């Protein structure tokens, strides 16, 4: 959203409006294979159809445009040992888990550290023979650390020592393994920086992308580095009081031109994933208009939001009481999304990052 734009007035809503009961066995811990074998629930204001991702072309029209987030997930979960300078060997030792959030320059990173209470300024956390970091302090629930190396050396050491940062609801059930290096990355990932995958895009393979392009649907790439804040729970009763974590994004001049040309020609803009949607709505300047954009966005989309660019959305099934549930409710309506999720649970769709997907078409055009 542009700095001078005024957000529309929104009806007061409570966190409980976005809650639902999800059976634990519907939480997917591994993706479907092949990727396009995942189920796809197509929902319009008056209809729901059970399909598969491989059927996606049946619901697209020549002249439409999919917007894809080409961020690349880094192996940003690290397990290390804390030592305290000045103490005897074996003293002041503790196990620390670190998840990278965002770089701060000169080898410094904002991270989530567990347990944060065990860290003091100057502590050294060793992750491998090549990679360690010094704890510099904390900012609310985040820690600031400084690694011993930067650039290509850091990337290489991180690739050796780091694990894919699986979401908490998967990590609680199993540890990340080598298969996740492929499964938790999109086939079109280009720009490294995310600590969570744009999961709706995990359903695509090259063959499906070729079929989509061959039918006359455009494909536009944008970049939003998804942060771990996407998994943080909303803790306030009045959702208007929730503060979103900022994420870095980029919409190129080429991407903006492609999107505007599609809109002018009467095609639909359908972002793949809430991350792509949040980014293009952040870059929107007016209904049907979007400009090249780069920076951090903390846009918070809840019912009452006025969509300037988005005509539909492909997205996975989200956590109860999450900001993502609020976003899809803004697009389709809260009552309609309750019905969609009731259908998905009753028909045993698989939920969350490695789960099935939905195609939401609110008939805006």
Protein backbone atom coordinates (compact mmCIF):
# COMPACT_ATOMS: atom_id res chain seq x y z
CA UNK A 1 0.00 0.00 0.00
CA UNK A 2 1.40 3.40 -0.88
CA UNK A 3 2.38 5.65 2.08
CA UNK A 4 -0.40 8.18 1.42
CA UNK A 5 -3.13 5.60 0.80
CA UNK A 6 -5.90 5.42 3.37
CA UNK A 7 -7.01 1.91 4.30
CA UNK A 8 -10.73 1.30 4.01
CA UNK A 9 -12.80 1.12 7.14
CA UNK A 10 -13.22 -2.43 8.36
CA UNK A 11 -15.80 -3.98 10.57
CA UNK A 12 -14.55 -4.93 14.03
CA UNK A 13 -13.79 -8.65 14.07
CA UNK A 14 -12.57 -10.95 16.79
CA UNK A 15 -9.91 -13.61 16.57
CA UNK A 16 -12.51 -16.26 17.32
CA UNK A 17 -14.22 -15.44 14.00
CA UNK A 18 -11.35 -17.24 12.26
CA UNK A 19 -11.16 -20.35 14.42
CA UNK A 20 -12.10 -23.90 13.44
CA UNK A 21 -11.47 -27.42 14.69
CA UNK A 22 -8.96 -29.37 12.63
CA UNK A 23 -8.33 -33.10 13.18
CA UNK A 24 -4.64 -33.61 13.83
CA UNK A 25 -4.39 -36.39 11.25
CA UNK A 26 -5.22 -33.93 8.44
CA UNK A 27 -1.92 -32.06 8.96
CA UNK A 28 0.36 -33.20 6.12
CA UNK A 29 3.95 -34.04 7.01
CA UNK A 30 4.99 -35.01 3.47
CA UNK A 31 3.81 -33.66 0.10
CA UNK A 32 1.89 -35.59 -2.53
CA UNK A 33 3.93 -37.13 -5.34
CA UNK A 34 4.01 -36.09 -8.07
CA UNK A 35 3.47 -32.49 -7.02
CA UNK A 36 0.44 -32.05 -9.26
CA UNK A 37 -1.31 -35.03 -7.64
CA UNK A 38 -2.38 -32.83 -4.74
CA UNK A 39 -6.09 -32.23 -4.46
CA UNK A 40 -7.54 -28.87 -5.45
CA UNK A 41 -10.77 -27.51 -4.01
CA UNK A 42 -12.19 -24.95 -6.47
CA UNK A 43 -14.50 -22.50 -4.73
CA UNK A 44 -16.65 -19.72 -6.17
CA UNK A 45 -19.35 -17.81 -4.25
CA UNK A 46 -21.94 -20.44 -5.21
CA UNK A 47 -20.09 -23.62 -6.09
CA UNK A 48 -17.40 -26.01 -4.80
CA UNK A 49 -15.71 -28.62 -6.97
CA UNK A 50 -13.28 -31.33 -5.86
CA UNK A 51 -10.43 -31.56 -8.36
CA UNK A 52 -6.66 -32.05 -8.57
CA UNK A 53 -3.89 -29.54 -9.18
CA UNK A 54 -3.29 -31.26 -12.53
CA UNK A 55 -6.80 -30.02 -13.48
CA UNK A 56 -5.86 -26.36 -12.92
CA UNK A 57 -5.96 -25.54 -16.63
CA UNK A 58 -9.69 -26.37 -16.64
CA UNK A 59 -10.29 -23.32 -14.46
CA UNK A 60 -8.02 -20.83 -16.18
CA UNK A 61 -8.83 -18.78 -19.28
CA UNK A 62 -6.55 -17.64 -22.12
CA UNK A 63 -5.49 -14.12 -21.24
CA UNK A 64 -5.36 -14.76 -17.47
CA UNK A 65 -2.08 -14.30 -15.59
CA UNK A 66 -0.65 -16.27 -12.68
CA UNK A 67 1.71 -14.38 -10.37
CA UNK A 68 4.42 -16.63 -8.90
CA UNK A 69 6.73 -15.91 -5.97
CA UNK A 70 10.24 -16.96 -7.03
CA UNK A 71 11.90 -16.64 -3.62
CA UNK A 72 14.29 -19.44 -2.64
CA UNK A 73 14.23 -20.97 0.83
CA UNK A 74 17.58 -21.00 2.62
CA UNK A 75 18.51 -23.84 5.03
CA UNK A 76 17.98 -21.40 7.84
CA UNK A 77 17.49 -23.66 10.86
CA UNK A 78 20.70 -24.20 12.80
CA UNK A 79 21.49 -26.26 15.87
CA UNK A 80 24.47 -25.11 17.91
CA UNK A 81 26.27 -25.12 21.21
CA UNK A 82 26.61 -21.97 23.32
CA UNK A 83 29.87 -21.28 25.12
CA UNK A 84 30.58 -18.34 27.39
CA UNK A 85 33.96 -16.59 27.05
CA UNK A 86 35.97 -16.52 30.27
CA UNK A 87 34.50 -19.71 31.67
CA UNK A 88 36.36 -22.96 32.11
CA UNK A 89 35.94 -25.67 29.44
CA UNK A 90 32.65 -27.48 29.95
CA UNK A 91 31.08 -24.63 31.90
CA UNK A 92 28.48 -22.29 30.42
CA UNK A 93 27.57 -24.80 27.70
CA UNK A 94 24.00 -25.05 26.36
CA UNK A 95 22.23 -26.27 23.24
CA UNK A 96 20.70 -23.46 21.16
CA UNK A 97 18.42 -23.65 18.12
CA UNK A 98 18.48 -20.69 15.74
CA UNK A 99 16.17 -19.83 12.84
CA UNK A 100 17.39 -17.08 10.54
CA UNK A 101 14.90 -14.26 9.96
CA UNK A 102 16.57 -11.38 8.09
CA UNK A 103 20.11 -10.10 7.43
CA UNK A 104 21.20 -6.88 9.10
CA UNK A 105 24.46 -6.29 7.20
CA UNK A 106 28.11 -7.02 8.05
CA UNK A 107 27.38 -10.65 8.91
CA UNK A 108 24.61 -9.77 11.36
CA UNK A 109 21.22 -11.50 11.32
CA UNK A 110 17.97 -11.15 13.20
CA UNK A 111 17.04 -14.65 14.35
CA UNK A 112 14.68 -16.61 16.51
CA UNK A 113 16.72 -18.38 19.20
CA UNK A 114 15.51 -21.10 21.55
CA UNK A 115 15.87 -20.87 24.45
CA UNK A 116 16.53 -17.14 24.18
CA UNK A 117 16.71 -16.79 27.97
CA UNK A 118 19.97 -18.77 27.99
CA UNK A 119 21.85 -16.21 25.91
CA UNK A 120 23.91 -13.29 27.21
CA UNK A 121 25.80 -10.62 25.28
CA UNK A 122 29.09 -12.00 24.00
CA UNK A 123 28.07 -15.66 24.05
CA UNK A 124 29.41 -17.70 21.13
CA UNK A 125 27.15 -20.23 19.38
CA UNK A 126 29.05 -22.84 17.37
CA UNK A 127 27.15 -24.57 14.56
CA UNK A 128 30.02 -26.34 12.77
CA UNK A 129 33.79 -26.15 12.38
CA UNK A 130 33.28 -23.42 9.77
CA UNK A 131 30.30 -21.53 11.16
CA UNK A 132 29.75 -19.81 14.48
CA UNK A 133 28.17 -16.57 15.69
CA UNK A 134 28.37 -14.09 18.56
CA UNK A 135 25.19 -13.07 20.39
CA UNK A 136 24.80 -9.29 20.33
CA UNK A 137 21.50 -8.83 22.15
CA UNK A 138 17.75 -9.07 21.73
CA UNK A 139 14.92 -7.00 20.31
CA UNK A 140 11.63 -8.11 21.85
CA UNK A 141 11.25 -11.78 20.81
CA UNK A 142 14.14 -11.72 18.31
CA UNK A 143 17.89 -12.07 18.81
CA UNK A 144 20.70 -10.35 16.92
CA UNK A 145 23.78 -12.42 16.16
CA UNK A 146 26.93 -11.85 14.10
CA UNK A 147 28.42 -14.71 12.08
CA UNK A 148 32.14 -15.24 11.64
CA UNK A 149 31.95 -15.25 7.82
CA UNK A 150 29.96 -13.54 5.05
CA UNK A 151 29.16 -13.85 1.36
CA UNK A 152 29.85 -17.05 -0.54
CA UNK A 153 31.73 -18.55 2.43
CA UNK A 154 28.67 -18.05 4.60
CA UNK A 155 26.34 -19.53 1.98
CA UNK A 156 28.53 -22.61 1.64
CA UNK A 157 28.85 -23.13 5.41
CA UNK A 158 25.11 -22.62 5.87
CA UNK A 159 24.36 -25.20 3.18
CA UNK A 160 26.45 -27.73 5.12
CA UNK A 161 25.24 -26.95 8.64
CA UNK A 162 21.68 -25.73 8.12
CA UNK A 163 18.41 -27.58 7.83
CA UNK A 164 15.29 -26.64 5.91
CA UNK A 165 13.19 -24.51 8.29
CA UNK A 166 10.07 -26.66 8.30
CA UNK A 167 7.00 -25.07 9.89
CA UNK A 168 6.46 -25.78 13.59
CA UNK A 169 3.48 -28.07 12.96
CA UNK A 170 5.68 -30.35 10.83
CA UNK A 171 8.84 -30.00 12.91
CA UNK A 172 6.85 -31.12 15.96
CA UNK A 173 6.11 -34.41 14.21
CA UNK A 174 9.44 -35.15 12.51
CA UNK A 175 12.88 -33.68 11.84
CA UNK A 176 13.83 -32.15 8.50
CA UNK A 177 15.77 -34.49 6.23
CA UNK A 178 17.47 -34.50 2.83
CA UNK A 179 14.16 -35.01 0.99
CA UNK A 180 12.92 -31.66 2.31
CA UNK A 181 15.72 -29.90 0.41
CA UNK A 182 13.76 -30.72 -2.75
CA UNK A 183 10.21 -30.93 -1.41
CA UNK A 184 10.26 -27.55 0.39
CA UNK A 185 11.52 -25.63 -2.66
CA UNK A 186 9.53 -24.51 -5.71
CA UNK A 187 10.71 -25.57 -9.17
CA UNK A 188 11.09 -21.89 -10.12
CA UNK A 189 12.94 -20.69 -6.99
CA UNK A 190 15.53 -18.08 -8.00
CA UNK A 191 16.37 -15.53 -5.31
CA UNK A 192 17.59 -16.80 -1.92
CA UNK A 193 16.26 -15.23 1.24
CA UNK A 194 13.08 -16.95 2.46
CA UNK A 195 12.88 -18.96 5.66
CA UNK A 196 9.51 -20.41 4.72
CA UNK A 197 8.30 -21.65 1.35
CA UNK A 198 5.51 -20.04 -0.71
CA UNK A 199 3.68 -23.31 -0.28
CA UNK A 200 0.92 -23.03 -2.88
CA UNK A 201 3.70 -22.96 -5.48
CA UNK A 202 5.05 -26.32 -4.30
CA UNK A 203 2.26 -27.99 -6.33
CA UNK A 204 3.72 -26.91 -9.68
CA UNK A 205 6.13 -28.86 -11.87
CA UNK A 206 7.66 -27.83 -15.19
CA UNK A 207 5.14 -29.84 -17.21
CA UNK A 208 2.16 -28.07 -15.61
CA UNK A 209 3.77 -24.67 -16.11
CA UNK A 210 4.32 -25.51 -19.80
CA UNK A 211 0.66 -26.54 -20.20
CA UNK A 212 -0.50 -23.31 -18.58
CA UNK A 213 1.69 -21.18 -20.81
CA UNK A 214 0.62 -23.12 -23.93
CA UNK A 215 -3.05 -22.28 -23.30
CA UNK A 216 -2.32 -18.58 -23.33
CA UNK A 217 -2.06 -17.87 -19.59
CA UNK A 218 0.75 -15.51 -18.66
CA UNK A 219 3.27 -16.26 -15.91
CA UNK A 220 4.78 -13.37 -13.98
CA UNK A 221 7.49 -13.72 -11.34
CA UNK A 222 7.77 -11.50 -8.28
CA UNK A 223 9.88 -11.99 -5.13
CA UNK A 224 8.76 -11.89 -1.51
CA UNK A 225 11.17 -13.40 1.01
CA UNK A 226 8.77 -15.21 3.31
CA UNK A 227 9.67 -14.79 6.98
CA UNK A 228 9.11 -17.02 9.97
CA UNK A 229 6.59 -14.44 11.17
CA UNK A 230 4.09 -16.13 8.86
CA UNK A 231 3.80 -18.88 11.49
CA UNK A 232 3.50 -16.62 14.53
CA UNK A 233 0.11 -16.83 16.25
CA UNK A 234 -2.21 -13.89 16.56
CA UNK A 235 -2.48 -13.20 20.28
CA UNK A 236 -4.93 -10.29 20.42
CA UNK A 237 -8.70 -10.64 20.70
CA UNK A 238 -9.34 -7.60 18.46
CA UNK A 239 -7.48 -8.43 15.23
CA UNK A 240 -7.06 -4.72 14.42
CA UNK A 241 -4.46 -4.63 17.21
CA UNK A 242 -2.25 -7.30 15.59
CA UNK A 243 1.17 -6.18 14.31
CA UNK A 244 2.46 -7.93 11.19
CA UNK A 245 6.14 -8.77 10.75
CA UNK A 246 7.65 -7.05 7.71
CA UNK A 247 8.97 -9.04 4.75
CA UNK A 248 11.18 -7.84 1.88
CA UNK A 249 9.74 -7.92 -1.62
CA UNK A 250 10.38 -6.80 -5.18
CA UNK A 251 8.08 -6.20 -8.14
CA UNK A 252 10.11 -5.45 -11.26
CA UNK A 253 9.12 -2.96 -13.93
CA UNK A 254 8.58 -5.89 -16.29
CA UNK A 255 6.28 -7.66 -13.81
CA UNK A 256 4.24 -4.51 -13.19
CA UNK A 257 3.87 -3.91 -16.94
CA UNK A 258 2.74 -7.51 -17.56
CA UNK A 259 0.12 -7.29 -14.80
CA UNK A 260 -1.26 -3.95 -15.99
CA UNK A 261 -1.41 -5.15 -19.61
CA UNK A 262 -3.36 -8.24 -18.56
CA UNK A 263 -5.85 -6.16 -16.60
CA UNK A 264 -6.27 -3.73 -19.50
CA UNK A 265 -6.98 -6.65 -21.85
CA UNK A 266 -9.66 -8.06 -19.52
CA UNK A 267 -7.65 -10.98 -18.13
CA UNK A 268 -7.72 -12.09 -14.50
CA UNK A 269 -4.78 -11.71 -12.13
CA UNK A 270 -4.48 -14.83 -9.97
CA UNK A 271 -1.57 -14.87 -7.53
CA UNK A 272 -0.29 -18.28 -6.48
CA UNK A 273 -0.02 -18.05 -2.72
CA UNK A 274 -0.82 -15.42 -0.14
CA UNK A 275 2.75 -14.10 -0.36
CA UNK A 276 2.39 -13.15 -4.02
CA UNK A 277 -1.02 -11.64 -3.28
CA UNK A 278 0.30 -9.53 -0.39
CA UNK A 279 3.15 -8.27 -2.54
CA UNK A 280 1.14 -7.17 -5.56
CA UNK A 281 -1.45 -5.49 -3.35
CA UNK A 282 1.41 -3.68 -1.57
CA UNK A 283 2.65 -2.43 -4.94
CA UNK A 284 -0.81 -1.37 -6.17
CA UNK A 285 -1.31 2.35 -6.70
CA UNK A 286 -5.01 2.35 -7.66
CA UNK A 287 -7.65 -0.11 -8.88
CA UNK A 288 -6.07 -1.98 -11.77
CA UNK A 289 -2.76 -0.14 -11.45
CA UNK A 290 0.55 -1.38 -10.09
CA UNK A 291 4.01 0.17 -10.08
CA UNK A 292 7.52 -1.28 -9.78
CA UNK A 293 8.19 -1.70 -6.08
CA UNK A 294 10.91 -2.77 -3.68
CA UNK A 295 11.06 -2.70 0.10
CA UNK A 296 9.49 -4.19 3.19
CA UNK A 297 5.77 -4.78 3.46
CA UNK A 298 3.73 -5.45 6.57
CA UNK A 299 0.38 -5.23 4.79
CA UNK A 300 -2.38 -6.85 6.87
CA UNK A 301 -5.36 -8.02 4.80
CA UNK A 302 -8.58 -8.62 6.71
CA UNK A 303 -12.28 -8.57 5.78
CA UNK A 304 -13.19 -5.17 4.40
CA UNK A 305 -9.93 -4.81 2.46
CA UNK A 306 -10.27 -3.37 -1.05
CA UNK A 307 -8.37 -5.52 -3.54
CA UNK A 308 -6.86 -3.45 -6.35
CA UNK A 309 -5.17 -6.18 -8.40
CA UNK A 310 -6.27 -9.64 -7.29
CA UNK A 311 -9.10 -11.50 -9.06
CA UNK A 312 -8.54 -14.95 -7.55
CA UNK A 313 -6.08 -16.91 -5.46
CA UNK A 314 -4.51 -20.35 -5.40
CA UNK A 315 -3.59 -21.14 -1.81
CA UNK A 316 -3.19 -24.02 0.62
CA UNK A 317 -5.37 -24.55 3.69
CA UNK A 318 -4.27 -22.39 6.60
CA UNK A 319 -3.95 -22.45 10.37
CA UNK A 320 -6.94 -21.57 12.53
CA UNK A 321 -6.91 -17.99 13.85
CA UNK A 322 -4.05 -17.04 11.51
CA UNK A 323 -3.54 -13.88 9.46
CA UNK A 324 -3.78 -16.08 6.36
CA UNK A 325 -7.29 -17.20 7.34
CA UNK A 326 -8.16 -13.52 7.63
CA UNK A 327 -6.74 -12.86 4.16
CA UNK A 328 -8.76 -15.56 2.40
CA UNK A 329 -11.84 -14.44 4.34
CA UNK A 330 -11.27 -10.93 3.00
CA UNK A 331 -11.22 -12.30 -0.54
CA UNK A 332 -14.20 -14.67 -0.35
CA UNK A 333 -16.16 -13.56 2.69
CA UNK A 334 -15.96 -15.02 6.19
CA UNK A 335 -19.10 -17.16 5.90
CA UNK A 336 -18.02 -18.55 2.54
CA UNK A 337 -14.57 -19.49 3.85
CA UNK A 338 -16.16 -21.27 6.81
CA UNK A 339 -18.15 -23.33 4.33
CA UNK A 340 -15.04 -24.01 2.24
CA UNK A 341 -13.08 -25.22 5.26
CA UNK A 342 -16.02 -27.30 6.52
CA UNK A 343 -16.07 -29.00 3.10
CA UNK A 344 -12.31 -29.51 3.10
CA UNK A 345 -12.34 -31.12 6.54
CA UNK A 346 -15.37 -33.29 5.79
CA UNK A 347 -13.72 -34.50 2.56
CA UNK A 348 -10.37 -35.01 4.29
CA UNK A 349 -8.22 -32.56 2.41
CA UNK A 350 -4.65 -32.40 3.73
CA UNK A 351 -3.78 -29.13 5.48
CA UNK A 352 -0.92 -26.63 5.74
CA UNK A 353 2.44 -26.39 3.96
CA UNK A 354 2.69 -29.91 2.52
CA UNK A 355 -1.05 -30.29 2.15
CA UNK A 356 -3.59 -29.86 -0.62
CA UNK A 357 -4.61 -26.59 -2.25
CA UNK A 358 -7.59 -24.48 -3.16
CA UNK A 359 -8.48 -22.15 -6.02
CA UNK A 360 -10.59 -19.25 -4.75
CA UNK A 361 -12.53 -17.36 -7.43
CA UNK A 362 -14.71 -14.60 -5.96
CA UNK A 363 -16.22 -13.65 -9.34
CA UNK A 364 -14.82 -10.15 -9.22
CA UNK A 365 -14.75 -10.03 -13.01
